[in-house]
Amino acid sequence: MKLRMAWLLLALALPAAGGPLRDWLQQGAASHDGLGADETLSQAALPPGVRKLTDLAYGPDVRQRLDVYLPASAGQGRPLLVMVHGGAWRLGSKQAGSVVDNKLARWSPAGVVLVSLDYRLLPQAAVEQQADDVASALAWVQDHAAGWGAKQAAAGVDGPFRRCTSGGLAEYRSGLAPAPWRTALAGHGIAG
């Protein structure tokens, strides 16, 4: 971790043309900076045959990234589970062991495509903007799901963010979500 931070400081000192290295280091730091004091990055090895697509951008901000875990079994029309971390709108990471490890162990043997995403946090983004980030990510995932062999039209959403007191994304489909959530999701082509 200290070595990565040293590289980040060096990359930040580079001119804007130094781009790819600086961008890669900033993405890594952004995903790690949301970890709470009691959280650690996933240390588990990927289940046999599982492939990980890392830091796919669904938006322009460095925190608008997601990881896709493709199961070992090939095929089309596989189930899709999107994991949205919690953290009181201030903490959390798509790479936290508490977010990824158990889901991978449980769902990858069943052939489920797992997506774990990051979104902007407070104070950078208000809660409504965070909901918009998640809606953007879900729309992006739906657009790309077929390329991963997953069902394009349907995705299960799980995680503390879904169950937060401001309302869950899953509640949107039943029409129970608060108006800002419905507006954010509808603005990204996700209909209930």
N, C-alpha and C. Protein backbone atom coordinates (compact mmCIF):
# COMPACT_ATOMS: atom_id res chain seq x y z
N MET A 1 0.83 -1.19 0.00
CA MET A 1 0.00 0.00 0.00
C MET A 1 0.87 1.25 0.00
N LYS A 2 1.94 1.26 0.80
CA LYS A 2 2.82 2.43 0.86
C LYS A 2 3.52 2.64 -0.49
N LEU A 3 3.90 1.54 -1.14
CA LEU A 3 4.54 1.65 -2.44
C LEU A 3 3.58 2.23 -3.46
N ARG A 4 2.33 1.79 -3.42
CA ARG A 4 1.33 2.32 -4.36
C ARG A 4 1.12 3.82 -4.13
N MET A 5 1.10 4.25 -2.86
CA MET A 5 0.94 5.67 -2.57
C MET A 5 2.15 6.47 -3.06
N ALA A 6 3.34 5.91 -2.94
CA ALA A 6 4.54 6.59 -3.45
C ALA A 6 4.44 6.76 -4.96
N TRP A 7 4.00 5.70 -5.65
CA TRP A 7 3.81 5.80 -7.10
C TRP A 7 2.73 6.83 -7.43
N LEU A 8 1.67 6.89 -6.64
CA LEU A 8 0.61 7.87 -6.87
C LEU A 8 1.15 9.29 -6.75
N LEU A 9 1.92 9.55 -5.70
CA LEU A 9 2.50 10.89 -5.53
C LEU A 9 3.42 11.23 -6.69
N LEU A 10 4.21 10.27 -7.14
CA LEU A 10 5.08 10.50 -8.28
C LEU A 10 4.25 10.79 -9.53
N ALA A 11 3.21 10.01 -9.76
CA ALA A 11 2.38 10.20 -10.95
C ALA A 11 1.66 11.53 -10.93
N LEU A 12 1.24 11.98 -9.76
CA LEU A 12 0.56 13.27 -9.66
C LEU A 12 1.51 14.42 -9.99
N ALA A 13 2.78 14.19 -9.76
CA ALA A 13 3.77 15.22 -10.07
C ALA A 13 4.09 15.27 -11.56
N LEU A 14 3.72 14.24 -12.30
CA LEU A 14 3.98 14.20 -13.74
C LEU A 14 3.09 15.20 -14.46
N PRO A 15 3.51 15.67 -15.61
CA PRO A 15 2.64 16.56 -16.39
C PRO A 15 1.42 15.80 -16.88
N ALA A 16 0.42 16.54 -17.31
CA ALA A 16 -0.84 15.95 -17.77
C ALA A 16 -0.62 14.91 -18.85
N ALA A 17 0.43 15.05 -19.65
CA ALA A 17 0.70 14.09 -20.72
C ALA A 17 1.12 12.74 -20.17
N GLY A 18 1.44 12.63 -18.88
CA GLY A 18 1.87 11.39 -18.28
C GLY A 18 0.73 10.41 -18.09
N GLY A 19 -0.44 10.72 -18.51
CA GLY A 19 -1.75 10.11 -18.41
C GLY A 19 -1.95 8.69 -17.94
N PRO A 20 -1.63 7.65 -18.71
CA PRO A 20 -2.08 6.30 -18.36
C PRO A 20 -1.61 5.81 -16.99
N LEU A 21 -0.35 6.02 -16.67
CA LEU A 21 0.16 5.59 -15.36
C LEU A 21 -0.54 6.36 -14.25
N ARG A 22 -0.63 7.68 -14.41
CA ARG A 22 -1.30 8.50 -13.41
C ARG A 22 -2.76 8.08 -13.24
N ASP A 23 -3.47 7.85 -14.36
CA ASP A 23 -4.87 7.45 -14.29
C ASP A 23 -5.03 6.11 -13.57
N TRP A 24 -4.16 5.15 -13.87
CA TRP A 24 -4.23 3.83 -13.24
C TRP A 24 -4.01 3.95 -11.74
N LEU A 25 -3.04 4.74 -11.33
CA LEU A 25 -2.77 4.91 -9.91
C LEU A 25 -3.90 5.64 -9.20
N GLN A 26 -4.49 6.65 -9.85
CA GLN A 26 -5.60 7.37 -9.24
C GLN A 26 -6.81 6.46 -9.08
N GLN A 27 -7.07 5.59 -10.05
CA GLN A 27 -8.20 4.66 -9.93
C GLN A 27 -8.00 3.72 -8.76
N GLY A 28 -6.78 3.20 -8.62
CA GLY A 28 -6.50 2.31 -7.50
C GLY A 28 -6.66 3.01 -6.16
N ALA A 29 -6.15 4.22 -6.07
CA ALA A 29 -6.27 4.97 -4.82
C ALA A 29 -7.72 5.31 -4.52
N ALA A 30 -8.49 5.67 -5.53
CA ALA A 30 -9.90 6.03 -5.32
C ALA A 30 -10.69 4.85 -4.79
N SER A 31 -10.42 3.66 -5.29
CA SER A 31 -11.15 2.50 -4.82
C SER A 31 -10.76 2.13 -3.40
N HIS A 32 -9.51 2.37 -3.03
CA HIS A 32 -9.04 2.04 -1.69
C HIS A 32 -9.41 3.10 -0.66
N ASP A 33 -9.59 4.35 -1.09
CA ASP A 33 -9.82 5.41 -0.12
C ASP A 33 -11.18 5.33 0.54
N GLY A 34 -12.08 4.54 0.01
CA GLY A 34 -13.40 4.40 0.60
C GLY A 34 -13.48 3.32 1.67
N LEU A 35 -12.41 2.58 1.88
CA LEU A 35 -12.44 1.51 2.87
C LEU A 35 -12.58 2.07 4.28
N GLY A 36 -13.46 1.49 5.06
CA GLY A 36 -13.60 1.86 6.46
C GLY A 36 -12.45 1.30 7.27
N ALA A 37 -12.33 1.75 8.52
CA ALA A 37 -11.23 1.33 9.38
C ALA A 37 -11.23 -0.18 9.63
N ASP A 38 -12.41 -0.80 9.63
CA ASP A 38 -12.50 -2.23 9.91
C ASP A 38 -12.62 -3.07 8.65
N GLU A 39 -12.45 -2.47 7.47
CA GLU A 39 -12.56 -3.21 6.23
C GLU A 39 -11.18 -3.47 5.63
N THR A 40 -11.08 -4.55 4.88
CA THR A 40 -9.85 -4.85 4.15
C THR A 40 -10.21 -5.19 2.71
N LEU A 41 -9.24 -5.03 1.84
CA LEU A 41 -9.45 -5.43 0.45
C LEU A 41 -9.61 -6.93 0.39
N SER A 42 -10.32 -7.36 -0.62
CA SER A 42 -10.50 -8.80 -0.81
C SER A 42 -9.13 -9.45 -0.98
N GLN A 43 -8.86 -10.44 -0.18
CA GLN A 43 -7.60 -11.18 -0.27
C GLN A 43 -7.81 -12.58 -0.82
N ALA A 44 -9.06 -12.94 -1.04
CA ALA A 44 -9.36 -14.29 -1.50
C ALA A 44 -8.94 -14.46 -2.96
N ALA A 45 -8.43 -15.63 -3.25
CA ALA A 45 -8.12 -15.95 -4.64
C ALA A 45 -9.43 -16.15 -5.38
N LEU A 46 -9.42 -15.83 -6.65
CA LEU A 46 -10.61 -16.05 -7.45
C LEU A 46 -10.91 -17.55 -7.51
N PRO A 47 -12.17 -17.93 -7.49
CA PRO A 47 -12.50 -19.34 -7.66
C PRO A 47 -11.93 -19.85 -8.99
N PRO A 48 -11.63 -21.13 -9.08
CA PRO A 48 -11.03 -21.67 -10.30
C PRO A 48 -11.84 -21.32 -11.55
N GLY A 49 -11.14 -20.80 -12.55
CA GLY A 49 -11.75 -20.48 -13.83
C GLY A 49 -12.44 -19.13 -13.91
N VAL A 50 -12.66 -18.47 -12.78
CA VAL A 50 -13.34 -17.17 -12.79
C VAL A 50 -12.38 -16.11 -13.33
N ARG A 51 -12.89 -15.27 -14.24
CA ARG A 51 -12.10 -14.17 -14.79
C ARG A 51 -12.64 -12.85 -14.24
N LYS A 52 -11.73 -11.91 -13.98
CA LYS A 52 -12.11 -10.61 -13.44
C LYS A 52 -11.76 -9.51 -14.45
N LEU A 53 -12.76 -8.72 -14.80
CA LEU A 53 -12.56 -7.53 -15.63
C LEU A 53 -12.53 -6.36 -14.66
N THR A 54 -11.43 -5.66 -14.58
CA THR A 54 -11.19 -4.69 -13.52
C THR A 54 -11.33 -3.24 -13.98
N ASP A 55 -11.93 -2.43 -13.11
CA ASP A 55 -12.00 -0.98 -13.28
C ASP A 55 -12.59 -0.53 -14.61
N LEU A 56 -13.71 -1.13 -14.98
CA LEU A 56 -14.42 -0.69 -16.18
C LEU A 56 -15.15 0.61 -15.86
N ALA A 57 -15.00 1.61 -16.70
CA ALA A 57 -15.56 2.94 -16.44
C ALA A 57 -17.00 3.02 -16.94
N TYR A 58 -17.92 3.39 -16.06
CA TYR A 58 -19.30 3.66 -16.47
C TYR A 58 -19.59 5.15 -16.45
N GLY A 59 -18.62 5.95 -16.04
CA GLY A 59 -18.74 7.41 -16.00
C GLY A 59 -17.36 8.03 -16.01
N PRO A 60 -17.28 9.36 -16.07
CA PRO A 60 -15.98 10.03 -16.20
C PRO A 60 -15.17 10.13 -14.90
N ASP A 61 -15.82 10.05 -13.75
CA ASP A 61 -15.11 10.21 -12.48
C ASP A 61 -14.32 8.95 -12.15
N VAL A 62 -13.20 9.12 -11.47
CA VAL A 62 -12.33 7.99 -11.12
C VAL A 62 -13.03 6.98 -10.21
N ARG A 63 -14.06 7.40 -9.46
CA ARG A 63 -14.80 6.47 -8.60
C ARG A 63 -15.95 5.77 -9.34
N GLN A 64 -16.24 6.17 -10.54
CA GLN A 64 -17.32 5.54 -11.32
C GLN A 64 -16.75 4.37 -12.11
N ARG A 65 -16.40 3.34 -11.36
CA ARG A 65 -15.77 2.15 -11.92
C ARG A 65 -16.47 0.91 -11.36
N LEU A 66 -16.36 -0.18 -12.12
CA LEU A 66 -16.90 -1.44 -11.64
C LEU A 66 -16.01 -2.59 -12.06
N ASP A 67 -16.12 -3.69 -11.32
CA ASP A 67 -15.42 -4.93 -11.64
C ASP A 67 -16.47 -5.97 -12.01
N VAL A 68 -16.15 -6.80 -13.00
CA VAL A 68 -17.04 -7.87 -13.43
C VAL A 68 -16.32 -9.19 -13.22
N TYR A 69 -17.01 -10.12 -12.57
CA TYR A 69 -16.47 -11.46 -12.33
C TYR A 69 -17.25 -12.43 -13.19
N LEU A 70 -16.56 -13.02 -14.17
CA LEU A 70 -17.20 -13.95 -15.10
C LEU A 70 -16.98 -15.38 -14.61
N PRO A 71 -18.06 -16.16 -14.50
CA PRO A 71 -17.92 -17.52 -14.00
C PRO A 71 -17.16 -18.40 -14.99
N ALA A 72 -16.65 -19.50 -14.49
CA ALA A 72 -15.87 -20.41 -15.31
C ALA A 72 -16.69 -21.01 -16.44
N SER A 73 -17.96 -21.26 -16.19
CA SER A 73 -18.80 -21.89 -17.21
C SER A 73 -19.15 -20.88 -18.29
N ALA A 74 -19.02 -21.32 -19.53
CA ALA A 74 -19.39 -20.46 -20.66
C ALA A 74 -20.88 -20.58 -20.90
N GLY A 75 -21.42 -19.61 -21.59
CA GLY A 75 -22.83 -19.70 -21.93
C GLY A 75 -23.46 -18.33 -22.07
N GLN A 76 -24.70 -18.34 -22.49
CA GLN A 76 -25.47 -17.12 -22.65
C GLN A 76 -26.66 -17.16 -21.70
N GLY A 77 -27.21 -16.01 -21.42
CA GLY A 77 -28.40 -15.95 -20.58
C GLY A 77 -28.15 -16.28 -19.12
N ARG A 78 -26.90 -16.11 -18.67
CA ARG A 78 -26.59 -16.40 -17.27
C ARG A 78 -27.17 -15.32 -16.37
N PRO A 79 -27.49 -15.67 -15.13
CA PRO A 79 -27.97 -14.65 -14.18
C PRO A 79 -26.90 -13.61 -13.91
N LEU A 80 -27.34 -12.44 -13.50
CA LEU A 80 -26.46 -11.31 -13.24
C LEU A 80 -26.79 -10.73 -11.88
N LEU A 81 -25.78 -10.56 -11.03
CA LEU A 81 -25.96 -9.96 -9.72
C LEU A 81 -25.05 -8.75 -9.60
N VAL A 82 -25.64 -7.60 -9.30
CA VAL A 82 -24.87 -6.37 -9.13
C VAL A 82 -24.78 -6.07 -7.63
N MET A 83 -23.56 -5.99 -7.13
CA MET A 83 -23.31 -5.72 -5.72
C MET A 83 -22.98 -4.25 -5.55
N VAL A 84 -23.76 -3.55 -4.72
CA VAL A 84 -23.56 -2.14 -4.44
C VAL A 84 -23.20 -2.01 -2.96
N HIS A 85 -21.97 -1.62 -2.68
CA HIS A 85 -21.51 -1.53 -1.29
C HIS A 85 -22.25 -0.45 -0.52
N GLY A 86 -22.24 -0.57 0.77
CA GLY A 86 -22.79 0.45 1.65
C GLY A 86 -21.67 1.26 2.26
N GLY A 87 -21.97 2.01 3.32
CA GLY A 87 -20.95 2.78 4.02
C GLY A 87 -21.41 4.16 4.42
N ALA A 88 -22.71 4.30 4.71
CA ALA A 88 -23.27 5.57 5.17
C ALA A 88 -22.96 6.71 4.21
N TRP A 89 -22.89 6.40 2.94
CA TRP A 89 -22.66 7.37 1.86
C TRP A 89 -21.28 7.99 1.90
N ARG A 90 -20.42 7.59 2.85
CA ARG A 90 -19.09 8.17 2.98
C ARG A 90 -17.96 7.16 2.80
N LEU A 91 -18.25 5.89 2.95
CA LEU A 91 -17.24 4.83 2.91
C LEU A 91 -17.67 3.73 1.96
N GLY A 92 -16.75 2.84 1.66
CA GLY A 92 -17.07 1.65 0.90
C GLY A 92 -16.21 1.50 -0.33
N SER A 93 -16.05 0.26 -0.75
CA SER A 93 -15.24 -0.03 -1.93
C SER A 93 -15.76 -1.30 -2.59
N LYS A 94 -15.75 -1.30 -3.90
CA LYS A 94 -16.13 -2.47 -4.68
C LYS A 94 -15.17 -3.63 -4.43
N GLN A 95 -14.01 -3.34 -3.90
CA GLN A 95 -12.99 -4.37 -3.67
C GLN A 95 -12.94 -4.87 -2.23
N ALA A 96 -13.80 -4.37 -1.37
CA ALA A 96 -13.79 -4.80 0.03
C ALA A 96 -14.11 -6.29 0.12
N GLY A 97 -13.39 -6.97 0.97
CA GLY A 97 -13.63 -8.40 1.16
C GLY A 97 -15.06 -8.69 1.57
N SER A 98 -15.63 -7.80 2.38
CA SER A 98 -17.01 -8.00 2.84
C SER A 98 -18.01 -7.85 1.70
N VAL A 99 -17.62 -7.23 0.62
CA VAL A 99 -18.49 -7.04 -0.53
C VAL A 99 -18.37 -8.21 -1.50
N VAL A 100 -17.15 -8.65 -1.74
CA VAL A 100 -16.88 -9.57 -2.84
C VAL A 100 -16.74 -11.04 -2.45
N ASP A 101 -15.99 -11.34 -1.41
CA ASP A 101 -15.56 -12.71 -1.16
C ASP A 101 -16.71 -13.71 -1.02
N ASN A 102 -17.67 -13.44 -0.16
CA ASN A 102 -18.76 -14.40 0.03
C ASN A 102 -19.64 -14.53 -1.22
N LYS A 103 -19.85 -13.41 -1.92
CA LYS A 103 -20.66 -13.46 -3.14
C LYS A 103 -20.00 -14.33 -4.19
N LEU A 104 -18.69 -14.17 -4.36
CA LEU A 104 -17.98 -14.99 -5.34
C LEU A 104 -18.04 -16.47 -4.97
N ALA A 105 -17.80 -16.77 -3.70
CA ALA A 105 -17.82 -18.16 -3.26
C ALA A 105 -19.19 -18.80 -3.46
N ARG A 106 -20.24 -18.03 -3.23
CA ARG A 106 -21.60 -18.56 -3.33
C ARG A 106 -22.12 -18.62 -4.76
N TRP A 107 -21.90 -17.54 -5.53
CA TRP A 107 -22.60 -17.42 -6.81
C TRP A 107 -21.80 -17.84 -8.04
N SER A 108 -20.48 -17.72 -8.04
CA SER A 108 -19.73 -18.08 -9.25
C SER A 108 -19.85 -19.56 -9.60
N PRO A 109 -19.88 -20.49 -8.63
CA PRO A 109 -20.07 -21.90 -9.01
C PRO A 109 -21.44 -22.16 -9.66
N ALA A 110 -22.41 -21.27 -9.38
CA ALA A 110 -23.74 -21.42 -9.96
C ALA A 110 -23.84 -20.75 -11.34
N GLY A 111 -22.72 -20.19 -11.83
CA GLY A 111 -22.72 -19.58 -13.15
C GLY A 111 -23.22 -18.16 -13.21
N VAL A 112 -23.27 -17.49 -12.06
CA VAL A 112 -23.77 -16.12 -12.00
C VAL A 112 -22.64 -15.14 -12.33
N VAL A 113 -22.95 -14.15 -13.17
CA VAL A 113 -22.02 -13.06 -13.44
C VAL A 113 -22.20 -12.05 -12.30
N LEU A 114 -21.11 -11.72 -11.62
CA LEU A 114 -21.15 -10.78 -10.49
C LEU A 114 -20.49 -9.48 -10.89
N VAL A 115 -21.17 -8.38 -10.60
CA VAL A 115 -20.62 -7.04 -10.84
C VAL A 115 -20.56 -6.33 -9.50
N SER A 116 -19.42 -5.74 -9.19
CA SER A 116 -19.25 -4.97 -7.96
C SER A 116 -18.83 -3.57 -8.36
N LEU A 117 -19.56 -2.55 -7.87
CA LEU A 117 -19.30 -1.19 -8.36
C LEU A 117 -18.96 -0.21 -7.26
N ASP A 118 -18.22 0.81 -7.66
CA ASP A 118 -17.94 1.98 -6.83
C ASP A 118 -18.78 3.14 -7.34
N TYR A 119 -18.99 4.11 -6.51
CA TYR A 119 -19.69 5.33 -6.87
C TYR A 119 -19.10 6.45 -6.04
N ARG A 120 -19.34 7.69 -6.46
CA ARG A 120 -18.80 8.83 -5.72
C ARG A 120 -19.42 8.87 -4.32
N LEU A 121 -18.64 9.35 -3.37
CA LEU A 121 -19.04 9.37 -1.96
C LEU A 121 -19.14 10.81 -1.45
N LEU A 122 -19.78 10.99 -0.29
CA LEU A 122 -19.75 12.27 0.40
C LEU A 122 -18.31 12.58 0.82
N PRO A 123 -17.84 13.76 0.80
CA PRO A 123 -18.53 14.99 0.46
C PRO A 123 -18.50 15.33 -1.03
N GLN A 124 -17.81 14.50 -1.84
CA GLN A 124 -17.71 14.80 -3.27
C GLN A 124 -19.08 14.82 -3.94
N ALA A 125 -19.95 13.90 -3.55
CA ALA A 125 -21.24 13.78 -4.23
C ALA A 125 -22.35 13.64 -3.19
N ALA A 126 -23.42 14.41 -3.38
CA ALA A 126 -24.59 14.30 -2.52
C ALA A 126 -25.26 12.94 -2.72
N VAL A 127 -26.12 12.58 -1.79
CA VAL A 127 -26.79 11.28 -1.85
C VAL A 127 -27.54 11.12 -3.17
N GLU A 128 -28.19 12.17 -3.65
CA GLU A 128 -28.91 12.09 -4.92
C GLU A 128 -27.96 11.81 -6.08
N GLN A 129 -26.76 12.38 -6.04
CA GLN A 129 -25.77 12.11 -7.07
C GLN A 129 -25.26 10.67 -6.98
N GLN A 130 -25.19 10.16 -5.76
CA GLN A 130 -24.78 8.77 -5.60
C GLN A 130 -25.83 7.84 -6.20
N ALA A 131 -27.10 8.16 -5.99
CA ALA A 131 -28.17 7.37 -6.61
C ALA A 131 -28.07 7.45 -8.12
N ASP A 132 -27.73 8.62 -8.64
CA ASP A 132 -27.56 8.79 -10.08
C ASP A 132 -26.38 7.95 -10.58
N ASP A 133 -25.29 7.90 -9.80
CA ASP A 133 -24.15 7.06 -10.17
C ASP A 133 -24.55 5.60 -10.27
N VAL A 134 -25.29 5.12 -9.27
CA VAL A 134 -25.71 3.72 -9.27
C VAL A 134 -26.64 3.46 -10.46
N ALA A 135 -27.54 4.40 -10.74
CA ALA A 135 -28.43 4.25 -11.90
C ALA A 135 -27.62 4.21 -13.19
N SER A 136 -26.62 5.07 -13.30
CA SER A 136 -25.74 5.06 -14.49
C SER A 136 -25.03 3.72 -14.62
N ALA A 137 -24.55 3.21 -13.50
CA ALA A 137 -23.85 1.92 -13.53
C ALA A 137 -24.79 0.81 -13.95
N LEU A 138 -26.02 0.80 -13.42
CA LEU A 138 -26.97 -0.24 -13.80
C LEU A 138 -27.31 -0.17 -15.29
N ALA A 139 -27.48 1.03 -15.82
CA ALA A 139 -27.75 1.18 -17.25
C ALA A 139 -26.57 0.69 -18.07
N TRP A 140 -25.36 1.02 -17.63
CA TRP A 140 -24.15 0.59 -18.33
C TRP A 140 -24.03 -0.93 -18.29
N VAL A 141 -24.31 -1.51 -17.13
CA VAL A 141 -24.26 -2.97 -17.00
C VAL A 141 -25.28 -3.63 -17.93
N GLN A 142 -26.49 -3.10 -17.98
CA GLN A 142 -27.50 -3.66 -18.87
C GLN A 142 -27.05 -3.59 -20.33
N ASP A 143 -26.40 -2.50 -20.70
CA ASP A 143 -25.92 -2.36 -22.08
C ASP A 143 -24.82 -3.35 -22.43
N HIS A 144 -24.04 -3.79 -21.44
CA HIS A 144 -22.89 -4.65 -21.69
C HIS A 144 -23.10 -6.10 -21.26
N ALA A 145 -24.20 -6.41 -20.62
CA ALA A 145 -24.42 -7.74 -20.04
C ALA A 145 -24.34 -8.86 -21.07
N ALA A 146 -24.91 -8.66 -22.23
CA ALA A 146 -24.92 -9.72 -23.24
C ALA A 146 -23.50 -10.11 -23.64
N GLY A 147 -22.59 -9.15 -23.66
CA GLY A 147 -21.20 -9.44 -23.98
C GLY A 147 -20.50 -10.30 -22.95
N TRP A 148 -21.05 -10.35 -21.76
CA TRP A 148 -20.51 -11.20 -20.69
C TRP A 148 -21.26 -12.52 -20.59
N GLY A 149 -22.24 -12.73 -21.48
CA GLY A 149 -23.04 -13.95 -21.44
C GLY A 149 -24.16 -13.88 -20.41
N ALA A 150 -24.49 -12.68 -19.95
CA ALA A 150 -25.52 -12.52 -18.92
C ALA A 150 -26.83 -12.06 -19.56
N LYS A 151 -27.90 -12.25 -18.82
CA LYS A 151 -29.20 -11.76 -19.26
C LYS A 151 -29.16 -10.24 -19.29
N GLN A 152 -29.54 -9.66 -20.41
CA GLN A 152 -29.43 -8.22 -20.58
C GLN A 152 -30.55 -7.47 -19.89
N ALA A 153 -31.73 -8.03 -19.87
CA ALA A 153 -32.90 -7.29 -19.40
C ALA A 153 -33.08 -7.31 -17.89
N ALA A 154 -32.45 -8.21 -17.19
CA ALA A 154 -32.71 -8.34 -15.76
C ALA A 154 -31.41 -8.45 -14.98
N ALA A 155 -31.38 -7.79 -13.85
CA ALA A 155 -30.24 -7.90 -12.96
C ALA A 155 -30.75 -7.86 -11.53
N GLY A 156 -30.20 -8.73 -10.70
CA GLY A 156 -30.48 -8.66 -9.28
C GLY A 156 -29.52 -7.65 -8.67
N VAL A 157 -30.00 -6.85 -7.73
CA VAL A 157 -29.16 -5.85 -7.06
C VAL A 157 -29.14 -6.21 -5.58
N ASP A 158 -27.94 -6.25 -5.00
CA ASP A 158 -27.81 -6.58 -3.59
C ASP A 158 -26.77 -5.68 -2.97
N GLY A 159 -26.83 -5.58 -1.67
CA GLY A 159 -25.84 -4.83 -0.92
C GLY A 159 -26.49 -3.84 0.03
N PRO A 160 -25.70 -3.34 0.98
CA PRO A 160 -26.24 -2.39 1.96
C PRO A 160 -26.82 -1.13 1.33
N PHE A 161 -26.24 -0.65 0.23
CA PHE A 161 -26.75 0.55 -0.43
C PHE A 161 -28.22 0.34 -0.83
N ARG A 162 -28.54 -0.84 -1.30
CA ARG A 162 -29.90 -1.16 -1.72
C ARG A 162 -30.87 -1.08 -0.56
N ARG A 163 -30.39 -1.45 0.62
CA ARG A 163 -31.27 -1.51 1.78
C ARG A 163 -31.21 -0.25 2.64
N CYS A 164 -30.58 0.81 2.13
CA CYS A 164 -30.41 2.01 2.95
C CYS A 164 -31.74 2.69 3.23
N THR A 165 -31.75 3.56 4.22
CA THR A 165 -33.00 4.19 4.65
C THR A 165 -33.56 5.16 3.64
N SER A 166 -32.77 5.61 2.67
CA SER A 166 -33.29 6.53 1.64
C SER A 166 -34.11 5.81 0.60
N GLY A 167 -34.12 4.51 0.64
CA GLY A 167 -34.89 3.75 -0.35
C GLY A 167 -33.96 2.92 -1.18
N GLY A 168 -34.43 1.77 -1.63
CA GLY A 168 -33.60 0.86 -2.39
C GLY A 168 -33.89 0.89 -3.87
N LEU A 169 -32.88 0.53 -4.63
CA LEU A 169 -33.06 0.46 -6.07
C LEU A 169 -34.08 -0.61 -6.44
N ALA A 170 -34.08 -1.70 -5.71
CA ALA A 170 -35.03 -2.77 -6.02
C ALA A 170 -36.46 -2.29 -5.82
N GLU A 171 -36.68 -1.39 -4.87
CA GLU A 171 -38.02 -0.87 -4.62
C GLU A 171 -38.53 -0.05 -5.79
N TYR A 172 -37.62 0.42 -6.61
CA TYR A 172 -38.03 1.19 -7.78
C TYR A 172 -38.95 0.37 -8.68
N ARG A 173 -38.60 -0.89 -8.87
CA ARG A 173 -39.38 -1.75 -9.76
C ARG A 173 -40.81 -1.93 -9.26
N SER A 174 -41.01 -1.86 -7.97
CA SER A 174 -42.37 -2.02 -7.43
C SER A 174 -43.10 -0.68 -7.30
N GLY A 175 -42.43 0.40 -7.67
CA GLY A 175 -43.05 1.72 -7.59
C GLY A 175 -43.00 2.33 -6.21
N LEU A 176 -42.26 1.73 -5.27
CA LEU A 176 -42.21 2.22 -3.90
C LEU A 176 -41.02 3.14 -3.63
N ALA A 177 -40.12 3.27 -4.60
CA ALA A 177 -38.92 4.08 -4.37
C ALA A 177 -39.27 5.56 -4.31
N PRO A 178 -38.51 6.32 -3.51
CA PRO A 178 -38.73 7.77 -3.45
C PRO A 178 -38.55 8.40 -4.83
N ALA A 179 -39.20 9.52 -5.07
CA ALA A 179 -39.19 10.19 -6.38
C ALA A 179 -37.78 10.46 -6.92
N PRO A 180 -36.80 10.93 -6.11
CA PRO A 180 -35.48 11.19 -6.70
C PRO A 180 -34.84 9.93 -7.29
N TRP A 181 -35.08 8.77 -6.65
CA TRP A 181 -34.54 7.52 -7.17
C TRP A 181 -35.21 7.16 -8.49
N ARG A 182 -36.54 7.28 -8.54
CA ARG A 182 -37.26 6.96 -9.78
C ARG A 182 -36.80 7.86 -10.91
N THR A 183 -36.62 9.15 -10.61
CA THR A 183 -36.19 10.10 -11.63
C THR A 183 -34.79 9.77 -12.12
N ALA A 184 -33.87 9.47 -11.20
CA ALA A 184 -32.50 9.14 -11.58
C ALA A 184 -32.46 7.89 -12.44
N LEU A 185 -33.19 6.86 -12.05
CA LEU A 185 -33.19 5.61 -12.82
C LEU A 185 -33.86 5.80 -14.17
N ALA A 186 -34.99 6.48 -14.20
CA ALA A 186 -35.70 6.70 -15.46
C ALA A 186 -34.85 7.51 -16.42
N GLY A 187 -34.06 8.44 -15.89
CA GLY A 187 -33.18 9.26 -16.73
C GLY A 187 -32.08 8.45 -17.39
N HIS A 188 -31.88 7.24 -16.92
CA HIS A 188 -30.86 6.37 -17.51
C HIS A 188 -31.48 5.20 -18.25
N GLY A 189 -32.76 5.31 -18.54
CA GLY A 189 -33.43 4.29 -19.35
C GLY A 189 -33.80 3.03 -18.58
N ILE A 190 -33.80 3.08 -17.25
CA ILE A 190 -34.18 1.91 -16.46
C ILE A 190 -35.61 2.11 -16.03
N ALA A 191 -36.48 1.34 -16.59
CA ALA A 191 -37.91 1.48 -16.30
C ALA A 191 -38.34 0.44 -15.29
N GLY A 192 -39.34 0.81 -14.50
CA GLY A 192 -39.87 -0.12 -13.51
C GLY A 192 -40.87 -1.05 -14.10
